[in-house]
Amino acid sequence: MKQIIVMILALMGGVAMAQSNQEGKVAVGGDIYTVVDQNPEFQGGMDAMVAWLGSNVKYPAEARKAGLEGTVYVTFVVERDGTITDVKVAKPNEKMKVLEEEAVRAVRSMPKWKPGRSGGKKVRVQFVLPILFSL
């Protein structure tokens, strides 16, 4: 039986790889925040996001046949209008490429989120979402 588990760790408003200034704004790359007053939210909340991903992430047949398992860390930006952009794998691993492609495909197809806010204004927020593929 296949399992795809979405781990909701300390994801909201934190990207370990980003260097932040005192305001929580990413120092490189413009106006993308990693720490905000109000985090963006998937429509319906975390439970709805986990359910949506569980229904939309498909375990690749090639990976299943090879017994491939592991965690894919997907980074993305929630824009001011709630759209998802700049989707990529945070820690690429050639051995897990087929799982990475599926995780990125699924995240790119997510519906709009409620945007994040900082200082009362809608802002761009970067997220890291770990998706665990387990057979």
N, C-alpha and C. Protein backbone atom coordinates (compact mmCIF):
# COMPACT_ATOMS: atom_id res chain seq x y z
N MET A 1 0.84 -1.19 0.00
CA MET A 1 0.00 0.00 0.00
C MET A 1 0.88 1.25 0.00
N LYS A 2 0.55 2.16 -0.87
CA LYS A 2 1.35 3.39 -0.95
C LYS A 2 0.91 4.38 0.12
N GLN A 3 1.87 5.19 0.53
CA GLN A 3 1.55 6.26 1.47
C GLN A 3 2.26 7.51 1.00
N ILE A 4 1.57 8.58 1.06
CA ILE A 4 2.18 9.88 0.84
C ILE A 4 1.79 10.71 2.04
N ILE A 5 2.79 11.10 2.80
CA ILE A 5 2.54 11.81 4.03
C ILE A 5 3.10 13.22 3.90
N VAL A 6 2.28 14.18 4.20
CA VAL A 6 2.73 15.55 4.19
C VAL A 6 3.06 15.93 5.62
N MET A 7 4.32 16.25 5.85
CA MET A 7 4.74 16.62 7.19
C MET A 7 4.61 18.12 7.35
N ILE A 8 3.81 18.50 8.30
CA ILE A 8 3.65 19.92 8.58
C ILE A 8 4.49 20.21 9.82
N LEU A 9 5.73 20.55 9.59
CA LEU A 9 6.65 20.83 10.69
C LEU A 9 6.58 22.32 10.97
N ALA A 10 7.70 22.92 11.20
CA ALA A 10 7.74 24.36 11.40
C ALA A 10 7.89 24.99 10.04
N LEU A 11 6.88 24.79 9.18
CA LEU A 11 6.97 25.22 7.80
C LEU A 11 6.52 26.66 7.60
N MET A 12 5.49 27.01 8.30
CA MET A 12 4.86 28.28 8.03
C MET A 12 5.73 29.43 8.48
N GLY A 13 6.26 30.12 7.49
CA GLY A 13 7.06 31.29 7.78
C GLY A 13 8.50 30.99 8.11
N GLY A 14 9.04 29.88 7.66
CA GLY A 14 10.45 29.63 7.94
C GLY A 14 11.11 28.81 6.86
N VAL A 15 12.22 29.29 6.37
CA VAL A 15 13.02 28.57 5.40
C VAL A 15 14.43 28.52 5.96
N ALA A 16 14.86 27.34 6.32
CA ALA A 16 16.16 27.20 6.98
C ALA A 16 17.31 27.72 6.14
N MET A 17 17.18 27.63 4.82
CA MET A 17 18.30 28.01 3.97
C MET A 17 18.37 29.51 3.70
N ALA A 18 17.33 30.22 4.00
CA ALA A 18 17.31 31.65 3.70
C ALA A 18 17.97 32.44 4.82
N GLN A 19 18.81 33.39 4.44
CA GLN A 19 19.37 34.29 5.43
C GLN A 19 18.45 35.48 5.55
N SER A 20 18.02 35.77 6.76
CA SER A 20 17.04 36.82 6.98
C SER A 20 17.67 38.00 7.69
N ASN A 21 17.09 39.16 7.44
CA ASN A 21 17.49 40.32 8.22
C ASN A 21 16.57 40.42 9.43
N GLN A 22 16.65 41.47 10.21
CA GLN A 22 15.88 41.57 11.45
C GLN A 22 14.38 41.59 11.22
N GLU A 23 13.92 42.01 10.06
CA GLU A 23 12.50 42.08 9.78
C GLU A 23 11.93 40.74 9.31
N GLY A 24 12.77 39.75 9.10
CA GLY A 24 12.29 38.48 8.60
C GLY A 24 12.17 38.46 7.09
N LYS A 25 12.72 39.43 6.45
CA LYS A 25 12.66 39.52 5.00
C LYS A 25 13.90 38.86 4.43
N VAL A 26 13.74 38.10 3.38
CA VAL A 26 14.89 37.45 2.76
C VAL A 26 15.84 38.51 2.26
N ALA A 27 17.12 38.36 2.63
CA ALA A 27 18.12 39.36 2.27
C ALA A 27 18.42 39.36 0.78
N VAL A 28 18.30 38.21 0.15
CA VAL A 28 18.57 38.12 -1.29
C VAL A 28 17.27 37.74 -1.97
N GLY A 29 16.94 38.37 -3.06
CA GLY A 29 15.76 37.99 -3.83
C GLY A 29 14.58 38.91 -3.67
N GLY A 30 14.79 40.08 -3.14
CA GLY A 30 13.73 41.07 -3.15
C GLY A 30 12.77 40.99 -1.98
N ASP A 31 11.50 41.05 -2.29
CA ASP A 31 10.47 41.24 -1.27
C ASP A 31 9.80 39.94 -0.84
N ILE A 32 10.54 38.87 -0.72
CA ILE A 32 9.99 37.60 -0.26
C ILE A 32 10.29 37.47 1.24
N TYR A 33 9.24 37.25 2.01
CA TYR A 33 9.36 37.13 3.46
C TYR A 33 9.43 35.68 3.89
N THR A 34 10.10 35.45 5.00
CA THR A 34 10.11 34.13 5.63
C THR A 34 9.44 34.18 6.99
N VAL A 35 9.30 35.36 7.56
CA VAL A 35 8.62 35.55 8.84
C VAL A 35 7.63 36.69 8.65
N VAL A 36 6.36 36.42 8.96
CA VAL A 36 5.31 37.42 8.76
C VAL A 36 4.38 37.47 9.97
N ASP A 37 3.57 38.51 10.04
CA ASP A 37 2.60 38.64 11.12
C ASP A 37 1.49 37.59 10.99
N GLN A 38 1.05 37.37 9.75
CA GLN A 38 -0.02 36.41 9.49
C GLN A 38 0.42 35.53 8.32
N ASN A 39 0.57 34.25 8.58
CA ASN A 39 1.02 33.32 7.56
C ASN A 39 -0.04 33.11 6.49
N PRO A 40 0.40 32.86 5.26
CA PRO A 40 -0.56 32.44 4.24
C PRO A 40 -1.21 31.14 4.68
N GLU A 41 -2.40 30.88 4.15
CA GLU A 41 -3.10 29.67 4.55
C GLU A 41 -3.78 29.03 3.35
N PHE A 42 -3.63 27.74 3.24
CA PHE A 42 -4.36 26.97 2.24
C PHE A 42 -5.84 27.15 2.53
N GLN A 43 -6.67 27.31 1.49
CA GLN A 43 -8.11 27.48 1.69
C GLN A 43 -8.65 26.28 2.46
N GLY A 44 -9.19 26.51 3.64
CA GLY A 44 -9.72 25.43 4.47
C GLY A 44 -8.75 24.99 5.55
N GLY A 45 -7.54 25.54 5.55
CA GLY A 45 -6.58 25.23 6.60
C GLY A 45 -5.67 24.05 6.31
N MET A 46 -4.89 23.70 7.33
CA MET A 46 -3.89 22.63 7.18
C MET A 46 -4.51 21.27 6.89
N ASP A 47 -5.59 20.94 7.56
CA ASP A 47 -6.23 19.65 7.31
C ASP A 47 -6.68 19.55 5.86
N ALA A 48 -7.21 20.64 5.33
CA ALA A 48 -7.64 20.65 3.93
C ALA A 48 -6.45 20.50 2.99
N MET A 49 -5.31 21.13 3.33
CA MET A 49 -4.12 21.01 2.49
C MET A 49 -3.61 19.57 2.47
N VAL A 50 -3.55 18.95 3.65
CA VAL A 50 -3.09 17.57 3.73
C VAL A 50 -4.02 16.66 2.92
N ALA A 51 -5.32 16.87 3.04
CA ALA A 51 -6.28 16.06 2.28
C ALA A 51 -6.12 16.30 0.79
N TRP A 52 -5.94 17.57 0.40
CA TRP A 52 -5.78 17.89 -1.02
C TRP A 52 -4.53 17.22 -1.58
N LEU A 53 -3.42 17.33 -0.87
CA LEU A 53 -2.19 16.71 -1.34
C LEU A 53 -2.33 15.19 -1.38
N GLY A 54 -2.99 14.61 -0.38
CA GLY A 54 -3.20 13.17 -0.37
C GLY A 54 -3.99 12.69 -1.57
N SER A 55 -4.89 13.52 -2.07
CA SER A 55 -5.70 13.17 -3.24
C SER A 55 -5.00 13.49 -4.55
N ASN A 56 -4.05 14.41 -4.54
CA ASN A 56 -3.47 14.90 -5.79
C ASN A 56 -2.03 14.46 -6.05
N VAL A 57 -1.31 14.04 -5.02
CA VAL A 57 0.04 13.52 -5.23
C VAL A 57 -0.10 12.05 -5.57
N LYS A 58 0.44 11.65 -6.69
CA LYS A 58 0.36 10.26 -7.14
C LYS A 58 1.74 9.61 -7.03
N TYR A 59 1.79 8.46 -6.39
CA TYR A 59 3.07 7.75 -6.25
C TYR A 59 3.46 7.25 -7.63
N PRO A 60 4.57 7.71 -8.18
CA PRO A 60 4.96 7.29 -9.54
C PRO A 60 5.17 5.78 -9.63
N ALA A 61 4.63 5.17 -10.67
CA ALA A 61 4.75 3.72 -10.87
C ALA A 61 6.22 3.29 -10.92
N GLU A 62 7.03 4.08 -11.59
CA GLU A 62 8.46 3.78 -11.69
C GLU A 62 9.11 3.73 -10.30
N ALA A 63 8.74 4.66 -9.44
CA ALA A 63 9.29 4.70 -8.08
C ALA A 63 8.78 3.52 -7.26
N ARG A 64 7.50 3.20 -7.41
CA ARG A 64 6.92 2.07 -6.69
C ARG A 64 7.62 0.78 -7.09
N LYS A 65 7.80 0.60 -8.40
CA LYS A 65 8.44 -0.61 -8.92
C LYS A 65 9.87 -0.75 -8.40
N ALA A 66 10.58 0.37 -8.27
CA ALA A 66 11.97 0.36 -7.81
C ALA A 66 12.07 0.35 -6.28
N GLY A 67 10.94 0.46 -5.59
CA GLY A 67 10.96 0.50 -4.13
C GLY A 67 11.52 1.80 -3.58
N LEU A 68 11.39 2.85 -4.36
CA LEU A 68 11.94 4.15 -4.00
C LEU A 68 11.05 4.86 -2.98
N GLU A 69 11.65 5.28 -1.88
CA GLU A 69 10.96 6.01 -0.83
C GLU A 69 11.83 7.18 -0.40
N GLY A 70 11.22 8.15 0.24
CA GLY A 70 11.99 9.25 0.80
C GLY A 70 11.17 10.52 0.92
N THR A 71 11.82 11.54 1.45
CA THR A 71 11.17 12.84 1.66
C THR A 71 11.68 13.83 0.64
N VAL A 72 10.74 14.53 0.02
CA VAL A 72 11.06 15.59 -0.94
C VAL A 72 10.69 16.91 -0.27
N TYR A 73 11.67 17.82 -0.21
CA TYR A 73 11.44 19.15 0.36
C TYR A 73 11.18 20.12 -0.78
N VAL A 74 9.95 20.59 -0.87
CA VAL A 74 9.54 21.49 -1.95
C VAL A 74 9.45 22.90 -1.38
N THR A 75 10.12 23.85 -2.04
CA THR A 75 9.99 25.26 -1.66
C THR A 75 9.09 25.95 -2.67
N PHE A 76 8.36 26.94 -2.19
CA PHE A 76 7.51 27.72 -3.08
C PHE A 76 7.19 29.04 -2.43
N VAL A 77 6.69 29.97 -3.23
CA VAL A 77 6.30 31.29 -2.75
C VAL A 77 4.80 31.44 -2.90
N VAL A 78 4.15 31.89 -1.83
CA VAL A 78 2.74 32.25 -1.89
C VAL A 78 2.72 33.76 -2.19
N GLU A 79 2.20 34.10 -3.35
CA GLU A 79 2.18 35.49 -3.80
C GLU A 79 1.09 36.31 -3.09
N ARG A 80 1.13 37.61 -3.32
CA ARG A 80 0.16 38.53 -2.68
C ARG A 80 -1.29 38.20 -3.04
N ASP A 81 -1.49 37.57 -4.21
CA ASP A 81 -2.85 37.20 -4.62
C ASP A 81 -3.17 35.74 -4.27
N GLY A 82 -2.25 35.05 -3.59
CA GLY A 82 -2.49 33.68 -3.15
C GLY A 82 -2.02 32.60 -4.11
N THR A 83 -1.54 33.00 -5.30
CA THR A 83 -1.05 31.99 -6.23
C THR A 83 0.29 31.43 -5.75
N ILE A 84 0.59 30.23 -6.22
CA ILE A 84 1.83 29.54 -5.87
C ILE A 84 2.81 29.71 -7.02
N THR A 85 4.02 30.19 -6.70
CA THR A 85 5.05 30.39 -7.73
C THR A 85 6.39 29.88 -7.23
N ASP A 86 7.36 29.90 -8.10
CA ASP A 86 8.75 29.57 -7.78
C ASP A 86 8.86 28.22 -7.06
N VAL A 87 8.18 27.21 -7.61
CA VAL A 87 8.17 25.88 -7.01
C VAL A 87 9.43 25.13 -7.43
N LYS A 88 10.16 24.61 -6.45
CA LYS A 88 11.36 23.84 -6.75
C LYS A 88 11.71 22.94 -5.57
N VAL A 89 12.62 22.02 -5.82
CA VAL A 89 13.07 21.10 -4.78
C VAL A 89 14.19 21.77 -4.01
N ALA A 90 14.07 21.77 -2.68
CA ALA A 90 15.07 22.43 -1.83
C ALA A 90 16.37 21.66 -1.77
N LYS A 91 16.28 20.34 -1.71
CA LYS A 91 17.46 19.49 -1.60
C LYS A 91 17.41 18.43 -2.70
N PRO A 92 17.75 18.79 -3.93
CA PRO A 92 17.65 17.81 -5.02
C PRO A 92 18.55 16.60 -4.79
N ASN A 93 18.04 15.45 -5.21
CA ASN A 93 18.77 14.19 -5.09
C ASN A 93 18.47 13.40 -6.36
N GLU A 94 19.46 13.18 -7.17
CA GLU A 94 19.27 12.51 -8.46
C GLU A 94 18.56 11.16 -8.31
N LYS A 95 18.81 10.44 -7.24
CA LYS A 95 18.18 9.14 -7.01
C LYS A 95 16.68 9.27 -6.81
N MET A 96 16.23 10.44 -6.37
CA MET A 96 14.81 10.64 -6.07
C MET A 96 14.12 11.52 -7.11
N LYS A 97 14.73 11.68 -8.25
CA LYS A 97 14.22 12.62 -9.26
C LYS A 97 12.75 12.38 -9.62
N VAL A 98 12.34 11.13 -9.77
CA VAL A 98 10.95 10.85 -10.16
C VAL A 98 9.98 11.28 -9.05
N LEU A 99 10.36 11.11 -7.79
CA LEU A 99 9.52 11.56 -6.68
C LEU A 99 9.50 13.08 -6.61
N GLU A 100 10.66 13.69 -6.84
CA GLU A 100 10.76 15.15 -6.82
C GLU A 100 9.86 15.76 -7.90
N GLU A 101 9.88 15.18 -9.08
CA GLU A 101 9.05 15.70 -10.17
C GLU A 101 7.57 15.64 -9.81
N GLU A 102 7.14 14.56 -9.18
CA GLU A 102 5.74 14.44 -8.80
C GLU A 102 5.37 15.43 -7.70
N ALA A 103 6.24 15.60 -6.72
CA ALA A 103 5.97 16.56 -5.64
C ALA A 103 5.86 17.98 -6.19
N VAL A 104 6.76 18.35 -7.08
CA VAL A 104 6.73 19.69 -7.69
C VAL A 104 5.47 19.85 -8.53
N ARG A 105 5.12 18.84 -9.31
CA ARG A 105 3.91 18.91 -10.14
C ARG A 105 2.68 19.16 -9.27
N ALA A 106 2.58 18.42 -8.17
CA ALA A 106 1.41 18.57 -7.30
C ALA A 106 1.36 19.95 -6.67
N VAL A 107 2.47 20.44 -6.15
CA VAL A 107 2.48 21.76 -5.51
C VAL A 107 2.15 22.85 -6.53
N ARG A 108 2.67 22.73 -7.74
CA ARG A 108 2.34 23.72 -8.79
C ARG A 108 0.86 23.77 -9.10
N SER A 109 0.17 22.67 -8.91
CA SER A 109 -1.26 22.62 -9.24
C SER A 109 -2.16 22.99 -8.07
N MET A 110 -1.59 23.40 -6.95
CA MET A 110 -2.40 23.78 -5.79
C MET A 110 -3.30 24.98 -6.13
N PRO A 111 -4.49 25.00 -5.53
CA PRO A 111 -5.34 26.19 -5.70
C PRO A 111 -4.75 27.38 -4.93
N LYS A 112 -5.32 28.54 -5.17
CA LYS A 112 -4.86 29.75 -4.48
C LYS A 112 -5.01 29.61 -2.97
N TRP A 113 -4.07 30.24 -2.26
CA TRP A 113 -4.09 30.30 -0.81
C TRP A 113 -4.60 31.68 -0.38
N LYS A 114 -4.90 31.81 0.91
CA LYS A 114 -5.12 33.14 1.49
C LYS A 114 -3.73 33.73 1.68
N PRO A 115 -3.46 34.92 1.17
CA PRO A 115 -2.10 35.47 1.24
C PRO A 115 -1.66 35.83 2.66
N GLY A 116 -0.34 35.87 2.84
CA GLY A 116 0.24 36.28 4.12
C GLY A 116 0.24 37.79 4.25
N ARG A 117 0.39 38.25 5.48
CA ARG A 117 0.40 39.69 5.74
C ARG A 117 1.52 40.05 6.70
N SER A 118 2.07 41.20 6.46
CA SER A 118 3.07 41.77 7.36
C SER A 118 2.83 43.27 7.41
N GLY A 119 2.73 43.80 8.60
CA GLY A 119 2.44 45.23 8.75
C GLY A 119 1.12 45.62 8.14
N GLY A 120 0.16 44.68 8.11
CA GLY A 120 -1.16 44.96 7.55
C GLY A 120 -1.24 44.85 6.04
N LYS A 121 -0.13 44.59 5.38
CA LYS A 121 -0.11 44.51 3.91
C LYS A 121 0.09 43.07 3.46
N LYS A 122 -0.50 42.72 2.33
CA LYS A 122 -0.27 41.40 1.74
C LYS A 122 1.17 41.35 1.24
N VAL A 123 1.85 40.25 1.55
CA VAL A 123 3.25 40.10 1.15
C VAL A 123 3.49 38.71 0.58
N ARG A 124 4.59 38.58 -0.15
CA ARG A 124 5.03 37.30 -0.69
C ARG A 124 5.74 36.52 0.42
N VAL A 125 5.40 35.24 0.58
CA VAL A 125 5.98 34.43 1.66
C VAL A 125 6.50 33.12 1.09
N GLN A 126 7.72 32.76 1.50
CA GLN A 126 8.32 31.52 1.05
C GLN A 126 8.06 30.41 2.07
N PHE A 127 7.78 29.22 1.56
CA PHE A 127 7.50 28.05 2.38
C PHE A 127 8.41 26.90 1.97
N VAL A 128 8.59 25.97 2.88
CA VAL A 128 9.20 24.68 2.59
C VAL A 128 8.18 23.62 3.03
N LEU A 129 7.84 22.72 2.14
CA LEU A 129 6.87 21.68 2.43
C LEU A 129 7.51 20.32 2.22
N PRO A 130 7.75 19.56 3.29
CA PRO A 130 8.30 18.21 3.12
C PRO A 130 7.17 17.23 2.78
N ILE A 131 7.36 16.44 1.75
CA ILE A 131 6.39 15.43 1.35
C ILE A 131 7.10 14.09 1.40
N LEU A 132 6.60 13.20 2.24
CA LEU A 132 7.19 11.88 2.45
C LEU A 132 6.50 10.85 1.59
N PHE A 133 7.27 10.17 0.76
CA PHE A 133 6.77 9.07 -0.05
C PHE A 133 7.20 7.78 0.64
N SER A 134 6.24 6.93 0.99
CA SER A 134 6.55 5.69 1.70
C SER A 134 5.70 4.56 1.15
N LEU A 135 6.33 3.43 0.87
CA LEU A 135 5.60 2.25 0.36
C LEU A 135 5.08 1.39 1.50
